[in-house]
């Protein structure tokens, strides 16, 4: 399984935010089939903001990125 500690930027997150990212990783990893997991592997994580507030921005190996909420859900 994917190790969240390998994502660029993980060590820059505060502990509560690291936990959110780890929860996201388990859910996200389990949502993809074996063939898709390598290209969907999270490569970078950082805090970002938009009109709705602060969120985690997670960029995957295929270049797609996701908003991650404080509950570990993504869109």
N, C-alpha and C. Protein backbone atom coordinates (compact mmCIF):
# COMPACT_ATOMS: atom_id res chain seq x y z
N UNK A 1 0.84 -1.20 0.00
CA UNK A 1 0.00 0.00 0.00
C UNK A 1 0.87 1.25 0.00
N UNK A 2 0.31 2.31 -0.42
CA UNK A 2 0.97 3.61 -0.49
C UNK A 2 1.31 4.13 0.90
N UNK A 3 2.47 4.75 1.04
CA UNK A 3 2.90 5.33 2.31
C UNK A 3 2.74 6.85 2.24
N UNK A 4 1.81 7.44 2.99
CA UNK A 4 1.56 8.88 2.95
C UNK A 4 2.80 9.72 3.27
N UNK A 5 3.71 9.17 4.05
CA UNK A 5 4.92 9.90 4.43
C UNK A 5 5.81 10.19 3.22
N UNK A 6 5.61 9.48 2.12
CA UNK A 6 6.42 9.67 0.91
C UNK A 6 6.00 10.87 0.09
N UNK A 7 4.83 11.42 0.34
CA UNK A 7 4.33 12.55 -0.45
C UNK A 7 5.14 13.81 -0.15
N UNK A 8 5.52 14.50 -1.21
CA UNK A 8 6.23 15.77 -1.04
C UNK A 8 5.33 16.72 -0.26
N UNK A 9 5.87 17.36 0.75
CA UNK A 9 5.12 18.32 1.55
C UNK A 9 4.51 17.75 2.81
N UNK A 10 4.49 16.41 2.95
CA UNK A 10 3.87 15.80 4.14
C UNK A 10 4.51 16.29 5.42
N UNK A 11 5.83 16.35 5.43
CA UNK A 11 6.53 16.75 6.66
C UNK A 11 6.30 18.21 7.02
N UNK A 12 5.80 19.01 6.09
CA UNK A 12 5.51 20.42 6.35
C UNK A 12 4.15 20.64 7.00
N UNK A 13 3.32 19.59 7.03
CA UNK A 13 1.98 19.70 7.61
C UNK A 13 2.02 19.54 9.12
N UNK A 14 1.10 20.19 9.81
CA UNK A 14 0.95 20.00 11.26
C UNK A 14 0.32 18.63 11.51
N UNK A 15 0.49 18.10 12.70
CA UNK A 15 0.01 16.75 13.04
C UNK A 15 -1.47 16.51 12.72
N UNK A 16 -2.39 17.42 13.09
CA UNK A 16 -3.79 17.15 12.75
C UNK A 16 -4.03 17.07 11.24
N UNK A 17 -3.31 17.87 10.49
CA UNK A 17 -3.46 17.87 9.03
C UNK A 17 -2.83 16.62 8.43
N UNK A 18 -1.74 16.16 9.02
CA UNK A 18 -1.15 14.89 8.58
C UNK A 18 -2.13 13.75 8.76
N UNK A 19 -2.86 13.77 9.86
CA UNK A 19 -3.85 12.71 10.11
C UNK A 19 -4.95 12.74 9.06
N UNK A 20 -5.42 13.93 8.70
CA UNK A 20 -6.43 14.05 7.65
C UNK A 20 -5.90 13.46 6.35
N UNK A 21 -4.65 13.77 6.02
CA UNK A 21 -4.06 13.25 4.79
C UNK A 21 -3.94 11.73 4.83
N UNK A 22 -3.56 11.18 5.97
CA UNK A 22 -3.45 9.72 6.09
C UNK A 22 -4.81 9.06 5.92
N UNK A 23 -5.86 9.64 6.51
CA UNK A 23 -7.22 9.11 6.35
C UNK A 23 -7.63 9.16 4.87
N UNK A 24 -7.36 10.30 4.25
CA UNK A 24 -7.65 10.44 2.82
C UNK A 24 -6.94 9.35 2.02
N UNK A 25 -5.67 9.12 2.30
CA UNK A 25 -4.89 8.15 1.52
C UNK A 25 -5.49 6.75 1.59
N UNK A 26 -5.91 6.33 2.75
CA UNK A 26 -6.53 5.00 2.89
C UNK A 26 -7.81 4.93 2.06
N UNK A 27 -8.66 5.93 2.20
CA UNK A 27 -9.92 5.94 1.44
C UNK A 27 -9.68 6.03 -0.05
N UNK A 28 -8.78 6.92 -0.44
CA UNK A 28 -8.48 7.15 -1.85
C UNK A 28 -7.88 5.90 -2.48
N UNK A 29 -6.91 5.30 -1.79
CA UNK A 29 -6.26 4.09 -2.29
C UNK A 29 -7.27 2.97 -2.48
N UNK A 30 -8.17 2.81 -1.55
CA UNK A 30 -9.16 1.74 -1.63
C UNK A 30 -10.22 2.00 -2.69
N UNK A 31 -10.35 3.23 -3.15
CA UNK A 31 -11.35 3.56 -4.16
C UNK A 31 -10.90 3.18 -5.58
N UNK A 32 -9.61 2.93 -5.77
CA UNK A 32 -9.07 2.64 -7.09
C UNK A 32 -8.70 1.18 -7.21
N UNK A 33 -8.87 0.64 -8.40
CA UNK A 33 -8.47 -0.74 -8.67
C UNK A 33 -6.96 -0.85 -8.80
N UNK A 34 -6.48 -2.06 -8.81
CA UNK A 34 -5.03 -2.32 -8.87
C UNK A 34 -4.35 -1.61 -10.04
N UNK A 35 -4.98 -1.62 -11.21
CA UNK A 35 -4.36 -1.05 -12.40
C UNK A 35 -4.25 0.47 -12.34
N UNK A 36 -5.15 1.12 -11.64
CA UNK A 36 -5.16 2.58 -11.58
C UNK A 36 -4.33 3.16 -10.45
N UNK A 37 -3.98 2.36 -9.49
CA UNK A 37 -3.34 2.88 -8.28
C UNK A 37 -2.01 3.58 -8.53
N UNK A 38 -1.19 3.05 -9.43
CA UNK A 38 0.12 3.65 -9.65
C UNK A 38 0.00 5.08 -10.18
N UNK A 39 -0.88 5.30 -11.16
CA UNK A 39 -1.00 6.65 -11.72
C UNK A 39 -1.80 7.59 -10.80
N UNK A 40 -2.57 7.04 -9.89
CA UNK A 40 -3.34 7.85 -8.94
C UNK A 40 -2.63 8.04 -7.60
N UNK A 41 -1.41 7.59 -7.51
CA UNK A 41 -0.66 7.71 -6.26
C UNK A 41 -0.42 9.18 -5.92
N UNK A 42 -0.80 9.64 -4.73
CA UNK A 42 -0.53 11.02 -4.32
C UNK A 42 0.97 11.29 -4.27
N UNK A 43 1.38 12.35 -4.96
CA UNK A 43 2.81 12.70 -5.01
C UNK A 43 3.14 13.94 -4.19
N UNK A 44 2.15 14.83 -4.03
CA UNK A 44 2.40 16.08 -3.30
C UNK A 44 1.15 16.49 -2.54
N UNK A 45 1.37 17.05 -1.35
CA UNK A 45 0.27 17.54 -0.53
C UNK A 45 0.67 18.90 0.04
N UNK A 46 -0.30 19.82 0.04
CA UNK A 46 -0.04 21.14 0.63
C UNK A 46 -1.35 21.79 1.00
N UNK A 47 -1.26 22.76 1.89
CA UNK A 47 -2.43 23.55 2.25
C UNK A 47 -2.70 24.56 1.15
N UNK A 48 -3.96 24.77 0.86
CA UNK A 48 -4.37 25.75 -0.14
C UNK A 48 -5.66 26.41 0.36
N UNK A 49 -6.08 27.45 -0.31
CA UNK A 49 -7.30 28.15 0.10
C UNK A 49 -8.08 28.58 -1.14
N UNK A 50 -9.39 28.62 -0.99
CA UNK A 50 -10.27 29.17 -2.00
C UNK A 50 -11.39 29.92 -1.29
N UNK A 51 -12.45 30.27 -2.02
CA UNK A 51 -13.54 31.04 -1.42
C UNK A 51 -14.26 30.30 -0.29
N UNK A 52 -14.08 28.97 -0.23
CA UNK A 52 -14.73 28.16 0.80
C UNK A 52 -13.85 27.95 2.03
N UNK A 53 -12.59 28.36 1.96
CA UNK A 53 -11.70 28.21 3.10
C UNK A 53 -10.44 27.43 2.76
N UNK A 54 -9.81 26.92 3.81
CA UNK A 54 -8.54 26.20 3.66
C UNK A 54 -8.82 24.72 3.46
N UNK A 55 -8.03 24.10 2.59
CA UNK A 55 -8.17 22.67 2.31
C UNK A 55 -6.80 22.10 1.97
N UNK A 56 -6.72 20.78 1.90
CA UNK A 56 -5.51 20.13 1.42
C UNK A 56 -5.62 19.96 -0.08
N UNK A 57 -4.58 20.33 -0.78
CA UNK A 57 -4.49 20.11 -2.22
C UNK A 57 -3.55 18.94 -2.42
N UNK A 58 -4.07 17.86 -3.00
CA UNK A 58 -3.28 16.65 -3.22
C UNK A 58 -3.13 16.44 -4.72
N UNK A 59 -1.89 16.39 -5.17
CA UNK A 59 -1.59 16.17 -6.58
C UNK A 59 -1.11 14.73 -6.76
N UNK A 60 -1.70 14.07 -7.76
CA UNK A 60 -1.38 12.66 -8.02
C UNK A 60 -0.32 12.53 -9.11
N UNK A 61 0.19 11.32 -9.27
CA UNK A 61 1.24 11.04 -10.25
C UNK A 61 0.80 11.38 -11.67
N UNK A 62 -0.49 11.28 -11.96
CA UNK A 62 -0.98 11.58 -13.31
C UNK A 62 -1.24 13.07 -13.53
N UNK A 63 -0.94 13.91 -12.52
CA UNK A 63 -1.11 15.35 -12.65
C UNK A 63 -2.44 15.89 -12.16
N UNK A 64 -3.42 15.02 -11.95
CA UNK A 64 -4.71 15.48 -11.41
C UNK A 64 -4.53 15.86 -9.95
N UNK A 65 -5.34 16.82 -9.50
CA UNK A 65 -5.29 17.17 -8.08
C UNK A 65 -6.69 17.22 -7.52
N UNK A 66 -6.75 17.07 -6.21
CA UNK A 66 -8.03 16.97 -5.51
C UNK A 66 -8.05 17.90 -4.30
N UNK A 67 -9.24 18.46 -4.05
CA UNK A 67 -9.52 19.14 -2.78
C UNK A 67 -9.78 18.04 -1.76
N UNK A 68 -9.17 18.12 -0.60
CA UNK A 68 -9.42 17.17 0.47
C UNK A 68 -9.98 17.94 1.65
N UNK A 69 -11.15 17.53 2.12
CA UNK A 69 -11.82 18.21 3.22
C UNK A 69 -11.25 17.76 4.56
N UNK A 70 -11.67 18.41 5.63
CA UNK A 70 -11.14 18.07 6.95
C UNK A 70 -11.64 16.71 7.46
N UNK A 71 -12.51 16.06 6.72
CA UNK A 71 -12.96 14.70 7.08
C UNK A 71 -12.27 13.63 6.23
N UNK A 72 -11.39 14.06 5.33
CA UNK A 72 -10.69 13.10 4.47
C UNK A 72 -11.42 12.78 3.18
N UNK A 73 -12.54 13.45 2.93
CA UNK A 73 -13.27 13.26 1.67
C UNK A 73 -12.60 14.12 0.61
N UNK A 74 -12.79 13.78 -0.65
CA UNK A 74 -12.16 14.54 -1.73
C UNK A 74 -13.15 14.78 -2.88
N UNK A 75 -12.81 15.81 -3.63
CA UNK A 75 -13.56 16.10 -4.87
C UNK A 75 -12.66 16.81 -5.85
